[in-house]
């Protein structure tokens, strides 16, 4: 099942986020109350629980939010999704994938606290096309890109 495992926010950038269980995704902004929200291409960050479990298997004591992701997911190999993929979260919220992974120029607070950061390799970023509530347990649907048909 493709679903949301955690909804996480933080007051400042570059720190672990706290699982708040539910929040509001705001169109053109991101997650309400989160430091990363704004008018840019990385409004919402997503990381799979499967990626976090890899870090746990390596001996790190980490969980949802520890890699500064807003939405922790289950059942989707996020970093294989092409840019432009649309994700429907719950009944009405629509996200568009804008970036796969990220470059870390130096070791951030997350790396220092956790000893590694999986976010640059397996996290993704999205913008909010249609806002709405988001909560733990919401389903996620991967929407196929619409391919224009030749008009002959």
Protein backbone atom coordinates (compact mmCIF):
# COMPACT_ATOMS: atom_id res chain seq x y z
CA UNK A 1 0.00 0.00 0.00
CA UNK A 2 1.27 3.45 -0.94
CA UNK A 3 0.69 5.72 2.03
CA UNK A 4 1.89 8.54 4.26
CA UNK A 5 3.70 7.23 7.35
CA UNK A 6 4.52 10.61 8.95
CA UNK A 7 3.87 14.34 8.44
CA UNK A 8 6.83 16.35 9.74
CA UNK A 9 7.64 20.03 10.26
CA UNK A 10 10.42 22.16 11.72
CA UNK A 11 10.74 25.82 12.61
CA UNK A 12 14.23 26.14 11.06
CA UNK A 13 16.01 24.77 8.01
CA UNK A 14 18.77 22.17 8.37
CA UNK A 15 17.36 20.41 11.41
CA UNK A 16 15.42 17.26 12.13
CA UNK A 17 11.68 17.62 11.80
CA UNK A 18 8.99 16.51 14.26
CA UNK A 19 6.15 14.20 13.26
CA UNK A 20 2.99 16.24 13.84
CA UNK A 21 0.67 13.56 12.43
CA UNK A 22 -1.37 15.94 10.27
CA UNK A 23 -1.15 19.35 8.70
CA UNK A 24 -2.24 21.32 5.66
CA UNK A 25 -0.48 21.38 2.30
CA UNK A 26 -0.84 24.91 0.96
CA UNK A 27 -0.99 25.50 -2.80
CA UNK A 28 2.17 27.21 -4.06
CA UNK A 29 3.78 27.13 -0.60
CA UNK A 30 4.27 23.71 1.01
CA UNK A 31 3.44 22.33 4.43
CA UNK A 32 1.85 24.85 6.81
CA UNK A 33 4.20 25.88 9.59
CA UNK A 34 7.32 24.41 8.01
CA UNK A 35 10.55 26.35 7.50
CA UNK A 36 10.99 25.05 3.94
CA UNK A 37 7.67 26.39 2.66
CA UNK A 38 7.76 29.18 0.10
CA UNK A 39 7.57 30.14 -3.54
CA UNK A 40 10.25 27.81 -4.90
CA UNK A 41 10.69 24.33 -6.42
CA UNK A 42 11.39 22.49 -3.13
CA UNK A 43 8.19 23.25 -1.20
CA UNK A 44 7.73 19.70 0.12
CA UNK A 45 10.32 17.00 0.71
CA UNK A 46 9.51 13.29 0.66
CA UNK A 47 11.51 10.28 1.84
CA UNK A 48 10.46 6.64 1.98
CA UNK A 49 10.41 4.74 5.27
CA UNK A 50 12.24 2.04 3.34
CA UNK A 51 15.18 4.48 2.95
CA UNK A 52 15.10 5.25 6.67
CA UNK A 53 15.08 1.53 7.43
CA UNK A 54 18.31 1.16 5.41
CA UNK A 55 19.93 3.64 7.80
CA UNK A 56 18.53 1.75 10.80
CA UNK A 57 20.02 -1.47 9.39
CA UNK A 58 23.36 0.35 9.28
CA UNK A 59 23.06 0.96 13.03
CA UNK A 60 21.66 4.49 13.14
CA UNK A 61 18.89 5.36 15.60
CA UNK A 62 16.70 7.33 13.18
CA UNK A 63 13.05 7.62 12.26
CA UNK A 64 10.57 9.77 10.35
CA UNK A 65 11.58 13.43 10.24
CA UNK A 66 15.22 12.79 11.17
CA UNK A 67 16.36 13.51 7.61
CA UNK A 68 14.31 16.73 7.45
CA UNK A 69 11.65 15.25 5.17
CA UNK A 70 8.11 16.64 5.34
CA UNK A 71 6.33 13.49 4.24
CA UNK A 72 7.57 10.00 5.04
CA UNK A 73 6.03 7.50 2.64
CA UNK A 74 5.65 3.74 2.37
CA UNK A 75 5.44 1.60 -0.76
CA UNK A 76 6.94 3.98 -3.35
CA UNK A 77 10.50 3.91 -4.67
CA UNK A 78 10.48 7.72 -4.71
CA UNK A 79 13.88 8.41 -6.24
CA UNK A 80 12.94 6.48 -9.41
CA UNK A 81 10.00 8.78 -10.21
CA UNK A 82 10.65 11.13 -13.14
CA UNK A 83 10.53 14.88 -12.63
CA UNK A 84 7.03 16.06 -13.51
CA UNK A 85 5.31 13.03 -11.94
CA UNK A 86 2.15 14.03 -10.15
CA UNK A 87 1.24 12.49 -6.80
CA UNK A 88 -2.25 12.59 -5.36
CA UNK A 89 -2.15 12.53 -1.56
CA UNK A 90 -5.43 11.69 0.13
CA UNK A 91 -8.60 12.77 -1.62
CA UNK A 92 -7.62 16.11 -3.13
CA UNK A 93 -4.00 17.19 -2.61
CA UNK A 94 -1.82 17.19 -5.73
CA UNK A 95 1.99 17.39 -5.75
CA UNK A 96 4.39 17.58 -8.69
CA UNK A 97 7.90 16.11 -8.41
CA UNK A 98 10.46 18.84 -9.16
CA UNK A 99 13.79 17.40 -7.99
CA UNK A 100 15.30 14.00 -7.23
CA UNK A 101 17.91 14.07 -4.48
CA UNK A 102 20.04 17.09 -3.71
CA UNK A 103 23.64 18.12 -3.49
CA UNK A 104 24.99 18.68 -0.01
CA UNK A 105 27.92 21.10 -0.09
CA UNK A 106 28.88 20.45 3.52
CA UNK A 107 27.80 18.22 6.36
CA UNK A 108 24.55 19.63 7.67
CA UNK A 109 23.21 19.30 11.21
CA UNK A 110 21.32 16.17 10.14
CA UNK A 111 24.53 14.47 9.01
CA UNK A 112 26.27 15.50 12.23
CA UNK A 113 23.40 14.21 14.37
CA UNK A 114 22.65 11.01 12.44
CA UNK A 115 26.10 10.14 11.06
CA UNK A 116 24.78 9.92 7.50
CA UNK A 117 22.08 11.52 5.40
CA UNK A 118 20.06 9.47 2.94
CA UNK A 119 18.10 12.50 1.75
CA UNK A 120 20.63 13.59 -0.92
CA UNK A 121 20.48 10.13 -2.52
CA UNK A 122 16.88 9.00 -2.10
CA UNK A 123 14.75 11.98 -1.13
CA UNK A 124 12.62 13.92 -3.59
CA UNK A 125 11.11 17.37 -3.68
CA UNK A 126 7.78 18.63 -4.98
CA UNK A 127 5.58 21.67 -5.36
CA UNK A 128 1.96 21.81 -4.21
CA UNK A 129 -0.39 22.16 -7.19
CA UNK A 130 -3.59 21.63 -5.17
CA UNK A 131 -3.62 22.06 -1.42
CA UNK A 132 -5.53 20.27 1.27
CA UNK A 133 -5.18 18.32 4.49
CA UNK A 134 -2.54 15.61 4.84
CA UNK A 135 -2.28 13.05 7.63
CA UNK A 136 -0.63 9.79 8.58
CA UNK A 137 -2.42 6.95 6.81
CA UNK A 138 -3.41 8.97 3.73
CA UNK A 139 -2.99 7.06 0.49
CA UNK A 140 -0.69 8.22 -2.31
CA UNK A 141 -1.48 7.62 -5.95
CA UNK A 142 1.11 8.03 -8.68
CA UNK A 143 -0.59 9.75 -11.60
CA UNK A 144 0.76 8.87 -15.01
CA UNK A 145 1.79 11.83 -17.17
CA UNK A 146 -0.77 12.70 -19.82
CA UNK A 147 0.70 12.10 -23.26
CA UNK A 148 -0.73 14.26 -26.01
CA UNK A 149 -2.34 12.32 -28.85
CA UNK A 150 -1.56 13.22 -32.44
CA UNK A 151 -4.61 14.81 -34.03
CA UNK A 152 -4.85 13.25 -37.48
